[in-house]
Amino acid sequence: MTFAQFFENLPWITIFGLLGNVISFAVFLSPIPTFYRIYKKKSTEEFQSIPYVVALFSAMLWLLYAFVKTDVIFLVTINCFGFFVEIIYLTVFLIYANKKARLSSVKQLLLFNVFGFGVIFFCTMVIAKTTRVRLLILGWICLIFSLCVFVAPLGVMRKVIRTKSVEYMPFFLSFFLTISAIVWFFYGLLKHDYYVAVPNVLGFTFGIVQMILYFIYRNAKPNEKDIEVGKTKEASTESIIIEEPVKTQSKSNTTPSNNDDNEVFAIQIPNLNMLNLQQNNNNDQPMKISGLNHHTPPQISVAV
């Protein structure tokens, strides 16, 4: 037997199905560092639940599709695993999310995973009477929501471009999504199941774009902002509060202050990098703080 004959006789559907399962396991497990961070900080910070809600919905739909089609065991195994993993992720998210984020997540779960899935299940399993019609309906729905899973990171990509920070776009998640999309594309192609193959073309494209963005901005400096000292605002603002008038003093007691020159003092503020506080010659003017604002600052008081 020649190598070409051996190559042709390989069970490529089984090979790509197994590879798809292994890589998709890694995809489902890749957010573990994110949720470990949420657990350690007891806060979801700026992470969003919508990618996990949509991923859970997608897993439920593909399980229903596999139940109807019956000859796609690799879809059953990976989506059963994904279903339980996403349940765990969302449970952790709901535990540590603030009230607003928790309420938003619950609404999304009710909309997609309860009401949406219930309507689809009723239409396909009760109204549709033949397997062909059921597969046609479920196939298109699965295709659309698979696209939604791949489109979900677009908001994160926009945030990366705007802030020039890849903190909220894990590289390994993008990498495994890209490899997974390639493998599942060939699996669907060999099975002549275009409901599986087509959405993975978009998944591959978005995965490549995310990795390119990661390498562009991984060492970039976040946007600098000038923060003016003023009145206290809520934690969602970018203002820092100094209640008492700021009295400057020279860096050395033996060296008199020169009123003609600005004096610069360094202060450390939680959740912000080291900032510079610059004194204006006119005591009536507010002082300016410039630096890098990576996170939303809490309400704080500053002593100089």
C-alpha atoms as a PDB file:
ATOM      1  CA  MET A   1       0.000   0.000   0.000  1.00  0.00           C
ATOM      2  CA  THR A   2       1.391   3.355  -1.007  1.00  0.00           C
ATOM      3  CA  PHE A   3       1.399   6.394   1.245  1.00  0.00           C
ATOM      4  CA  ALA A   4      -1.261   8.056  -0.920  1.00  0.00           C
ATOM      5  CA  GLN A   5      -3.553   5.028  -0.533  1.00  0.00           C
ATOM      6  CA  PHE A   6      -2.903   4.925   3.212  1.00  0.00           C
ATOM      7  CA  PHE A   7      -3.653   8.645   3.404  1.00  0.00           C
ATOM      8  CA  GLU A   8      -6.902   8.220   1.493  1.00  0.00           C
ATOM      9  CA  ASN A   9      -8.053   5.309   3.647  1.00  0.00           C
ATOM     10  CA  LEU A  10      -7.606   7.117   6.938  1.00  0.00           C
ATOM     11  CA  PRO A  11     -10.880   7.682   8.833  1.00  0.00           C
ATOM     12  CA  TRP A  12     -10.650  11.460   8.501  1.00  0.00           C
ATOM     13  CA  ILE A  13     -14.099  12.104   9.926  1.00  0.00           C
ATOM     14  CA  THR A  14     -13.164  10.271  13.119  1.00  0.00           C
ATOM     15  CA  ILE A  15      -9.757  11.957  13.267  1.00  0.00           C
ATOM     16  CA  PHE A  16     -11.177  15.470  12.890  1.00  0.00           C
ATOM     17  CA  GLY A  17     -14.010  14.615  15.284  1.00  0.00           C
ATOM     18  CA  LEU A  18     -11.537  13.508  17.961  1.00  0.00           C
ATOM     19  CA  LEU A  19      -9.275  16.491  17.329  1.00  0.00           C
ATOM     20  CA  GLY A  20     -12.288  18.782  17.493  1.00  0.00           C
ATOM     21  CA  ASN A  21     -13.261  17.343  20.861  1.00  0.00           C
ATOM     22  CA  VAL A  22      -9.758  17.627  22.310  1.00  0.00           C
ATOM     23  CA  ILE A  23      -9.259  21.219  21.138  1.00  0.00           C
ATOM     24  CA  SER A  24     -12.782  22.240  22.128  1.00  0.00           C
ATOM     25  CA  PHE A  25     -12.121  20.849  25.610  1.00  0.00           C
ATOM     26  CA  ALA A  26      -9.205  23.265  25.771  1.00  0.00           C
ATOM     27  CA  VAL A  27     -11.443  26.085  24.485  1.00  0.00           C
ATOM     28  CA  PHE A  28     -14.033  25.429  27.183  1.00  0.00           C
ATOM     29  CA  LEU A  29     -11.331  25.257  29.855  1.00  0.00           C
ATOM     30  CA  SER A  30      -9.361  28.306  28.684  1.00  0.00           C
ATOM     31  CA  PRO A  31     -11.446  30.814  30.753  1.00  0.00           C
ATOM     32  CA  ILE A  32     -10.367  29.085  33.978  1.00  0.00           C
ATOM     33  CA  PRO A  33      -7.661  31.738  34.705  1.00  0.00           C
ATOM     34  CA  THR A  34     -10.308  34.434  34.240  1.00  0.00           C
ATOM     35  CA  PHE A  35     -12.675  32.828  36.729  1.00  0.00           C
ATOM     36  CA  TYR A  36      -9.848  32.086  39.126  1.00  0.00           C
ATOM     37  CA  ARG A  37      -9.081  35.811  39.036  1.00  0.00           C
ATOM     38  CA  ILE A  38     -12.756  36.573  39.669  1.00  0.00           C
ATOM     39  CA  TYR A  39     -12.709  34.158  42.617  1.00  0.00           C
ATOM     40  CA  LYS A  40      -9.527  35.647  44.098  1.00  0.00           C
ATOM     41  CA  LYS A  41     -10.708  39.258  43.733  1.00  0.00           C
ATOM     42  CA  LYS A  42     -14.321  38.440  44.663  1.00  0.00           C
ATOM     43  CA  SER A  43     -15.398  40.629  41.766  1.00  0.00           C
ATOM     44  CA  THR A  44     -16.206  40.193  38.073  1.00  0.00           C
ATOM     45  CA  GLU A  45     -14.570  43.591  37.367  1.00  0.00           C
ATOM     46  CA  GLU A  46     -15.271  44.523  33.729  1.00  0.00           C
ATOM     47  CA  PHE A  47     -15.768  40.963  32.500  1.00  0.00           C
ATOM     48  CA  GLN A  48     -19.124  40.267  30.877  1.00  0.00           C
ATOM     49  CA  SER A  49     -21.351  37.197  31.093  1.00  0.00           C
ATOM     50  CA  ILE A  50     -22.848  37.362  27.594  1.00  0.00           C
ATOM     51  CA  PRO A  51     -20.167  35.160  25.896  1.00  0.00           C
ATOM     52  CA  TYR A  52     -20.865  32.372  28.415  1.00  0.00           C
ATOM     53  CA  VAL A  53     -24.653  32.769  28.161  1.00  0.00           C
ATOM     54  CA  VAL A  54     -24.469  32.500  24.367  1.00  0.00           C
ATOM     55  CA  ALA A  55     -22.008  29.581  24.571  1.00  0.00           C
ATOM     56  CA  LEU A  56     -24.379  27.737  26.936  1.00  0.00           C
ATOM     57  CA  PHE A  57     -27.297  28.388  24.586  1.00  0.00           C
ATOM     58  CA  SER A  58     -25.239  27.172  21.636  1.00  0.00           C
ATOM     59  CA  ALA A  59     -24.333  23.940  23.474  1.00  0.00           C
ATOM     60  CA  MET A  60     -28.016  23.320  24.260  1.00  0.00           C
ATOM     61  CA  LEU A  61     -29.001  23.856  20.629  1.00  0.00           C
ATOM     62  CA  TRP A  62     -26.286  21.564  19.268  1.00  0.00           C
ATOM     63  CA  LEU A  63     -27.317  18.841  21.715  1.00  0.00           C
ATOM     64  CA  LEU A  64     -30.886  19.105  20.442  1.00  0.00           C
ATOM     65  CA  TYR A  65     -29.593  19.034  16.847  1.00  0.00           C
ATOM     66  CA  ALA A  66     -27.477  15.938  17.570  1.00  0.00           C
ATOM     67  CA  PHE A  67     -30.454  14.260  19.263  1.00  0.00           C
ATOM     68  CA  VAL A  68     -32.516  14.721  16.096  1.00  0.00           C
ATOM     69  CA  LYS A  69     -29.756  13.792  13.612  1.00  0.00           C
ATOM     70  CA  THR A  70     -28.508  10.819  15.721  1.00  0.00           C
ATOM     71  CA  ASP A  71     -25.226  10.116  13.810  1.00  0.00           C
ATOM     72  CA  VAL A  72     -23.015  12.914  15.202  1.00  0.00           C
ATOM     73  CA  ILE A  73     -21.595  11.419  18.386  1.00  0.00           C
ATOM     74  CA  PHE A  74     -18.695  13.887  18.478  1.00  0.00           C
ATOM     75  CA  LEU A  75     -21.167  16.782  18.684  1.00  0.00           C
ATOM     76  CA  VAL A  76     -22.864  15.075  21.627  1.00  0.00           C
ATOM     77  CA  THR A  77     -19.682  14.509  23.640  1.00  0.00           C
ATOM     78  CA  ILE A  78     -18.234  17.995  23.277  1.00  0.00           C
ATOM     79  CA  ASN A  79     -21.485  19.863  23.831  1.00  0.00           C
ATOM     80  CA  CYS A  80     -22.359  17.804  26.919  1.00  0.00           C
ATOM     81  CA  PHE A  81     -18.999  18.826  28.355  1.00  0.00           C
ATOM     82  CA  GLY A  82     -19.499  22.428  27.272  1.00  0.00           C
ATOM     83  CA  PHE A  83     -22.979  22.544  28.792  1.00  0.00           C
ATOM     84  CA  PHE A  84     -21.747  21.621  32.287  1.00  0.00           C
ATOM     85  CA  VAL A  85     -18.639  23.809  32.087  1.00  0.00           C
ATOM     86  CA  GLU A  86     -20.650  26.890  31.093  1.00  0.00           C
ATOM     87  CA  ILE A  87     -23.076  26.227  33.958  1.00  0.00           C
ATOM     88  CA  ILE A  88     -20.127  26.301  36.370  1.00  0.00           C
ATOM     89  CA  TYR A  89     -18.731  29.516  34.847  1.00  0.00           C
ATOM     90  CA  LEU A  90     -22.062  31.305  35.039  1.00  0.00           C
ATOM     91  CA  THR A  91     -22.601  30.163  38.624  1.00  0.00           C
ATOM     92  CA  VAL A  92     -19.252  31.656  39.651  1.00  0.00           C
ATOM     93  CA  PHE A  93     -20.026  34.839  37.711  1.00  0.00           C
ATOM     94  CA  LEU A  94     -23.407  35.278  39.391  1.00  0.00           C
ATOM     95  CA  ILE A  95     -21.892  34.746  42.836  1.00  0.00           C
ATOM     96  CA  TYR A  96     -19.278  37.484  42.483  1.00  0.00           C
ATOM     97  CA  ALA A  97     -21.038  39.924  40.133  1.00  0.00           C
ATOM     98  CA  ASN A  98     -22.388  43.203  41.468  1.00  0.00           C
ATOM     99  CA  LYS A  99     -26.143  43.725  41.573  1.00  0.00           C
ATOM    100  CA  LYS A 100     -26.373  45.348  38.143  1.00  0.00           C
ATOM    101  CA  ALA A 101     -24.247  42.712  36.387  1.00  0.00           C
ATOM    102  CA  ARG A 102     -26.061  39.878  38.173  1.00  0.00           C
ATOM    103  CA  LEU A 103     -29.470  41.213  37.158  1.00  0.00           C
ATOM    104  CA  SER A 104     -28.320  41.631  33.563  1.00  0.00           C
ATOM    105  CA  SER A 105     -26.960  38.063  33.486  1.00  0.00           C
ATOM    106  CA  VAL A 106     -30.179  36.602  34.876  1.00  0.00           C
ATOM    107  CA  LYS A 107     -32.203  38.455  32.232  1.00  0.00           C
ATOM    108  CA  GLN A 108     -29.927  37.081  29.510  1.00  0.00           C
ATOM    109  CA  LEU A 109     -30.278  33.533  30.850  1.00  0.00           C
ATOM    110  CA  LEU A 110     -34.069  33.819  30.965  1.00  0.00           C
ATOM    111  CA  LEU A 111     -34.208  35.300  27.475  1.00  0.00           C
ATOM    112  CA  PHE A 112     -31.877  32.847  25.725  1.00  0.00           C
ATOM    113  CA  ASN A 113     -31.713  29.643  27.737  1.00  0.00           C
ATOM    114  CA  VAL A 114     -35.257  29.468  29.123  1.00  0.00           C
ATOM    115  CA  PHE A 115     -37.653  31.350  26.855  1.00  0.00           C
ATOM    116  CA  GLY A 116     -35.638  31.139  23.609  1.00  0.00           C
ATOM    117  CA  PHE A 117     -34.738  27.467  23.931  1.00  0.00           C
ATOM    118  CA  GLY A 118     -38.272  26.629  25.062  1.00  0.00           C
ATOM    119  CA  VAL A 119     -39.787  28.225  21.951  1.00  0.00           C
ATOM    120  CA  ILE A 120     -37.291  26.453  19.658  1.00  0.00           C
ATOM    121  CA  PHE A 121     -37.874  23.097  21.344  1.00  0.00           C
ATOM    122  CA  PHE A 122     -41.643  23.472  21.011  1.00  0.00           C
ATOM    123  CA  CYS A 123     -41.467  24.498  17.341  1.00  0.00           C
ATOM    124  CA  THR A 124     -39.105  21.704  16.290  1.00  0.00           C
ATOM    125  CA  MET A 125     -40.281  18.806  18.427  1.00  0.00           C
ATOM    126  CA  VAL A 126     -44.022  19.525  18.575  1.00  0.00           C
ATOM    127  CA  ILE A 127     -45.001  21.600  15.536  1.00  0.00           C
ATOM    128  CA  ALA A 128     -42.524  20.124  13.013  1.00  0.00           C
ATOM    129  CA  LYS A 129     -43.611  16.570  12.224  1.00  0.00           C
ATOM    130  CA  THR A 130     -40.735  15.159  10.138  1.00  0.00           C
ATOM    131  CA  THR A 131     -37.057  14.707  10.865  1.00  0.00           C
ATOM    132  CA  ARG A 132     -36.108  16.559   7.676  1.00  0.00           C
ATOM    133  CA  VAL A 133     -38.009  19.682   8.698  1.00  0.00           C
ATOM    134  CA  ARG A 134     -36.676  19.503  12.246  1.00  0.00           C
ATOM    135  CA  LEU A 135     -33.095  19.279  10.980  1.00  0.00           C
ATOM    136  CA  LEU A 136     -33.675  22.159   8.599  1.00  0.00           C
ATOM    137  CA  ILE A 137     -35.022  24.415  11.377  1.00  0.00           C
ATOM    138  CA  LEU A 138     -32.449  23.383  13.976  1.00  0.00           C
ATOM    139  CA  GLY A 139     -29.598  23.518  11.476  1.00  0.00           C
ATOM    140  CA  TRP A 140     -30.234  27.144  10.567  1.00  0.00           C
ATOM    141  CA  ILE A 141     -30.778  28.149  14.188  1.00  0.00           C
ATOM    142  CA  CYS A 142     -27.556  26.402  15.275  1.00  0.00           C
ATOM    143  CA  LEU A 143     -25.685  28.049  12.429  1.00  0.00           C
ATOM    144  CA  ILE A 144     -26.894  31.523  13.430  1.00  0.00           C
ATOM    145  CA  PHE A 145     -26.089  31.116  17.090  1.00  0.00           C
ATOM    146  CA  SER A 146     -22.712  29.571  16.358  1.00  0.00           C
ATOM    147  CA  LEU A 147     -21.994  32.789  14.502  1.00  0.00           C
ATOM    148  CA  CYS A 148     -23.138  34.686  17.614  1.00  0.00           C
ATOM    149  CA  VAL A 149     -20.596  32.774  19.711  1.00  0.00           C
ATOM    150  CA  PHE A 150     -17.821  33.898  17.377  1.00  0.00           C
ATOM    151  CA  VAL A 151     -19.172  37.455  17.110  1.00  0.00           C
ATOM    152  CA  ALA A 152     -19.524  37.854  20.903  1.00  0.00           C
ATOM    153  CA  PRO A 153     -15.834  38.891  21.379  1.00  0.00           C
ATOM    154  CA  LEU A 154     -16.302  41.882  19.023  1.00  0.00           C
ATOM    155  CA  GLY A 155     -17.071  44.106  22.013  1.00  0.00           C
ATOM    156  CA  VAL A 156     -13.836  43.004  23.659  1.00  0.00           C
ATOM    157  CA  MET A 157     -11.924  43.656  20.430  1.00  0.00           C
ATOM    158  CA  ARG A 158     -13.344  47.179  20.310  1.00  0.00           C
ATOM    159  CA  LYS A 159     -12.264  47.702  23.922  1.00  0.00           C
ATOM    160  CA  VAL A 160      -8.747  46.504  23.091  1.00  0.00           C
ATOM    161  CA  ILE A 161      -8.448  49.002  20.230  1.00  0.00           C
ATOM    162  CA  ARG A 162      -9.886  51.841  22.336  1.00  0.00           C
ATOM    163  CA  THR A 163      -7.807  51.245  25.471  1.00  0.00           C
ATOM    164  CA  LYS A 164      -4.729  49.728  23.797  1.00  0.00           C
ATOM    165  CA  SER A 165      -4.798  47.025  26.472  1.00  0.00           C
ATOM    166  CA  VAL A 166      -5.290  43.265  26.011  1.00  0.00           C
ATOM    167  CA  GLU A 167      -6.063  42.652  29.679  1.00  0.00           C
ATOM    168  CA  TYR A 168      -9.609  41.516  28.946  1.00  0.00           C
ATOM    169  CA  MET A 169      -8.835  39.463  25.818  1.00  0.00           C
ATOM    170  CA  PRO A 170      -6.958  36.279  26.824  1.00  0.00           C
ATOM    171  CA  PHE A 171      -4.599  35.126  24.095  1.00  0.00           C
ATOM    172  CA  PHE A 172      -5.034  31.381  24.623  1.00  0.00           C
ATOM    173  CA  LEU A 173      -8.812  31.639  24.284  1.00  0.00           C
ATOM    174  CA  SER A 174      -8.393  33.321  20.885  1.00  0.00           C
ATOM    175  CA  PHE A 175      -5.759  30.791  19.855  1.00  0.00           C
ATOM    176  CA  PHE A 176      -7.790  27.705  20.742  1.00  0.00           C
ATOM    177  CA  LEU A 177     -10.929  29.184  19.155  1.00  0.00           C
ATOM    178  CA  THR A 178      -9.037  29.595  15.894  1.00  0.00           C
ATOM    179  CA  ILE A 179      -7.653  26.038  15.879  1.00  0.00           C
ATOM    180  CA  SER A 180     -11.024  24.648  16.922  1.00  0.00           C
ATOM    181  CA  ALA A 181     -12.767  26.496  14.085  1.00  0.00           C
ATOM    182  CA  ILE A 182     -10.367  25.004  11.535  1.00  0.00           C
ATOM    183  CA  VAL A 183     -10.840  21.434  12.796  1.00  0.00           C
ATOM    184  CA  TRP A 184     -14.637  21.634  13.041  1.00  0.00           C
ATOM    185  CA  PHE A 185     -14.790  23.181   9.579  1.00  0.00           C
ATOM    186  CA  PHE A 186     -13.111  20.108   8.072  1.00  0.00           C
ATOM    187  CA  TYR A 187     -15.256  17.785  10.200  1.00  0.00           C
ATOM    188  CA  GLY A 188     -18.438  19.410   8.882  1.00  0.00           C
ATOM    189  CA  LEU A 189     -17.076  19.454   5.344  1.00  0.00           C
ATOM    190  CA  LEU A 190     -16.263  15.718   5.404  1.00  0.00           C
ATOM    191  CA  LYS A 191     -19.655  14.924   6.956  1.00  0.00           C
ATOM    192  CA  HIS A 192     -21.355  17.122   4.347  1.00  0.00           C
ATOM    193  CA  ASP A 193     -22.922  18.944   7.266  1.00  0.00           C
ATOM    194  CA  TYR A 194     -22.710  22.575   6.247  1.00  0.00           C
ATOM    195  CA  TYR A 195     -24.533  23.729   9.361  1.00  0.00           C
ATOM    196  CA  VAL A 196     -21.328  22.742  11.187  1.00  0.00           C
ATOM    197  CA  ALA A 197     -18.829  23.850   8.541  1.00  0.00           C
ATOM    198  CA  VAL A 198     -20.083  27.307   7.516  1.00  0.00           C
ATOM    199  CA  PRO A 199     -20.019  29.176  10.886  1.00  0.00           C
ATOM    200  CA  ASN A 200     -16.481  28.001  11.557  1.00  0.00           C
ATOM    201  CA  VAL A 201     -15.249  30.023   8.574  1.00  0.00           C
ATOM    202  CA  LEU A 202     -16.229  33.163  10.481  1.00  0.00           C
ATOM    203  CA  GLY A 203     -14.808  31.686  13.680  1.00  0.00           C
ATOM    204  CA  PHE A 204     -11.431  31.212  12.045  1.00  0.00           C
ATOM    205  CA  THR A 205     -11.491  34.779  10.687  1.00  0.00           C
ATOM    206  CA  PHE A 206     -12.340  36.389  14.028  1.00  0.00           C
ATOM    207  CA  GLY A 207      -9.789  34.231  15.815  1.00  0.00           C
ATOM    208  CA  ILE A 208      -7.016  35.424  13.509  1.00  0.00           C
ATOM    209  CA  VAL A 209      -8.081  39.067  13.996  1.00  0.00           C
ATOM    210  CA  GLN A 210      -8.059  38.681  17.792  1.00  0.00           C
ATOM    211  CA  MET A 211      -4.562  37.204  17.789  1.00  0.00           C
ATOM    212  CA  ILE A 212      -3.307  39.990  15.522  1.00  0.00           C
ATOM    213  CA  LEU A 213      -4.779  42.566  17.923  1.00  0.00           C
ATOM    214  CA  TYR A 214      -3.114  40.794  20.838  1.00  0.00           C
ATOM    215  CA  PHE A 215       0.349  41.005  19.275  1.00  0.00           C
ATOM    216  CA  ILE A 216      -0.209  44.631  18.274  1.00  0.00           C
ATOM    217  CA  TYR A 217      -1.294  45.836  21.729  1.00  0.00           C
ATOM    218  CA  ARG A 218       0.308  43.378  24.173  1.00  0.00           C
ATOM    219  CA  ASN A 219       3.187  45.770  24.923  1.00  0.00           C
ATOM    220  CA  ALA A 220       1.395  49.005  24.103  1.00  0.00           C
ATOM    221  CA  LYS A 221       0.957  51.663  26.750  1.00  0.00           C
ATOM    222  CA  PRO A 222      -2.682  52.349  27.655  1.00  0.00           C
ATOM    223  CA  ASN A 223      -4.061  55.771  26.794  1.00  0.00           C
ATOM    224  CA  GLU A 224      -2.907  58.538  29.141  1.00  0.00           C
ATOM    225  CA  LYS A 225      -5.555  60.700  30.717  1.00  0.00           C
ATOM    226  CA  ASP A 226      -5.471  63.990  32.539  1.00  0.00           C
ATOM    227  CA  ILE A 227      -7.533  63.780  35.686  1.00  0.00           C
ATOM    228  CA  GLU A 228      -8.502  67.073  37.276  1.00  0.00           C
ATOM    229  CA  VAL A 229      -8.852  67.331  41.022  1.00  0.00           C
ATOM    230  CA  GLY A 230     -12.408  68.317  41.834  1.00  0.00           C
ATOM    231  CA  LYS A 231     -15.501  67.343  43.647  1.00  0.00           C
ATOM    232  CA  THR A 232     -16.173  63.797  44.794  1.00  0.00           C
ATOM    233  CA  LYS A 233     -17.939  61.599  42.276  1.00  0.00           C
ATOM    234  CA  GLU A 234     -19.057  58.019  42.249  1.00  0.00           C
ATOM    235  CA  ALA A 235     -16.681  55.144  41.654  1.00  0.00           C
ATOM    236  CA  SER A 236     -17.620  55.008  37.990  1.00  0.00           C
ATOM    237  CA  THR A 237     -16.055  58.399  37.301  1.00  0.00           C
ATOM    238  CA  GLU A 238     -12.472  59.325  36.596  1.00  0.00           C
ATOM    239  CA  SER A 239     -12.242  62.188  39.098  1.00  0.00           C
ATOM    240  CA  ILE A 240     -10.142  61.969  42.212  1.00  0.00           C
ATOM    241  CA  ILE A 241     -11.126  63.805  45.342  1.00  0.00           C
ATOM    242  CA  ILE A 242      -8.985  66.058  47.463  1.00  0.00           C
ATOM    243  CA  GLU A 243     -11.208  67.561  50.124  1.00  0.00           C
ATOM    244  CA  GLU A 244      -8.669  69.792  51.849  1.00  0.00           C
ATOM    245  CA  PRO A 245      -6.653  72.539  50.107  1.00  0.00           C
ATOM    246  CA  VAL A 246      -3.372  71.117  48.915  1.00  0.00           C
ATOM    247  CA  LYS A 247      -0.327  72.655  50.558  1.00  0.00           C
ATOM    248  CA  THR A 248       2.897  72.035  48.743  1.00  0.00           C
ATOM    249  CA  GLN A 249       6.277  71.861  50.328  1.00  0.00           C
ATOM    250  CA  SER A 250       9.761  71.753  48.927  1.00  0.00           C
ATOM    251  CA  LYS A 251      11.482  68.452  48.400  1.00  0.00           C
ATOM    252  CA  SER A 252      14.203  69.455  50.865  1.00  0.00           C
ATOM    253  CA  ASN A 253      13.792  71.517  54.042  1.00  0.00           C
ATOM    254  CA  THR A 254      17.131  73.217  53.431  1.00  0.00           C
ATOM    255  CA  THR A 255      16.266  74.364  49.952  1.00  0.00           C
ATOM    256  CA  PRO A 256      13.812  77.252  49.694  1.00  0.00           C
ATOM    257  CA  SER A 257      10.889  76.928  47.333  1.00  0.00           C
ATOM    258  CA  ASN A 258      10.996  78.823  44.079  1.00  0.00           C
ATOM    259  CA  ASN A 259       7.558  80.152  43.266  1.00  0.00           C
ATOM    260  CA  ASP A 260       8.500  80.636  39.633  1.00  0.00           C
ATOM    261  CA  ASP A 261       8.917  76.894  39.084  1.00  0.00           C
ATOM    262  CA  ASN A 262       6.328  74.200  39.244  1.00  0.00           C
ATOM    263  CA  GLU A 263       6.891  71.540  41.872  1.00  0.00           C
ATOM    264  CA  VAL A 264       6.082  67.906  41.145  1.00  0.00           C
ATOM    265  CA  PHE A 265       5.085  65.396  43.791  1.00  0.00           C
ATOM    266  CA  ALA A 266       4.505  61.639  43.344  1.00  0.00           C
ATOM    267  CA  ILE A 267       1.511  59.973  44.952  1.00  0.00           C
ATOM    268  CA  GLN A 268       0.267  56.396  44.920  1.00  0.00           C
ATOM    269  CA  ILE A 269      -3.432  55.812  44.337  1.00  0.00           C
ATOM    270  CA  PRO A 270      -5.134  52.391  44.481  1.00  0.00           C
ATOM    271  CA  ASN A 271      -5.930  50.855  41.092  1.00  0.00           C
ATOM    272  CA  LEU A 272      -3.876  53.532  39.330  1.00  0.00           C
ATOM    273  CA  ASN A 273      -0.246  53.660  38.298  1.00  0.00           C
ATOM    274  CA  MET A 274       2.161  56.122  39.912  1.00  0.00           C
ATOM    275  CA  LEU A 275       0.869  59.586  39.034  1.00  0.00           C
ATOM    276  CA  ASN A 276       2.346  63.070  39.024  1.00  0.00           C
ATOM    277  CA  LEU A 277       0.708  65.892  40.925  1.00  0.00           C
ATOM    278  CA  GLN A 278       1.772  69.254  39.535  1.00  0.00           C
ATOM    279  CA  GLN A 279       1.340  72.529  41.396  1.00  0.00           C
ATOM    280  CA  ASN A 280       0.062  75.558  39.481  1.00  0.00           C
ATOM    281  CA  ASN A 281       1.522  78.985  40.237  1.00  0.00           C
ATOM    282  CA  ASN A 282      -1.978  80.349  40.665  1.00  0.00           C
ATOM    283  CA  ASN A 283      -3.301  78.969  43.934  1.00  0.00           C
ATOM    284  CA  ASP A 284      -6.875  79.440  42.725  1.00  0.00           C
ATOM    285  CA  GLN A 285      -6.415  76.953  39.891  1.00  0.00           C
ATOM    286  CA  PRO A 286      -7.050  73.268  40.500  1.00  0.00           C
ATOM    287  CA  MET A 287      -4.099  70.917  40.524  1.00  0.00           C
ATOM    288  CA  LYS A 288      -3.836  68.345  37.742  1.00  0.00           C
ATOM    289  CA  ILE A 289      -3.041  64.676  38.070  1.00  0.00           C
ATOM    290  CA  SER A 290      -1.810  62.868  34.998  1.00  0.00           C
ATOM    291  CA  GLY A 291      -1.125  59.195  34.638  1.00  0.00           C
ATOM    292  CA  LEU A 292      -2.447  55.867  33.422  1.00  0.00           C
ATOM    293  CA  ASN A 293      -5.930  54.903  34.444  1.00  0.00           C
ATOM    294  CA  HIS A 294      -6.265  51.140  33.947  1.00  0.00           C
ATOM    295  CA  HIS A 295      -9.317  50.582  36.107  1.00  0.00           C
ATOM    296  CA  THR A 296     -12.230  52.558  37.431  1.00  0.00           C
ATOM    297  CA  PRO A 297     -10.867  54.352  40.519  1.00  0.00           C
ATOM    298  CA  PRO A 298     -12.654  53.925  43.828  1.00  0.00           C
ATOM    299  CA  GLN A 299     -13.667  56.811  46.073  1.00  0.00           C
ATOM    300  CA  ILE A 300     -10.468  57.791  47.811  1.00  0.00           C
ATOM    301  CA  SER A 301      -8.870  60.618  49.718  1.00  0.00           C
ATOM    302  CA  VAL A 302      -5.430  61.877  48.812  1.00  0.00           C
ATOM    303  CA  ALA A 303      -2.890  63.256  51.232  1.00  0.00           C
ATOM    304  CA  VAL A 304       0.110  65.182  49.899  1.00  0.00           C
END
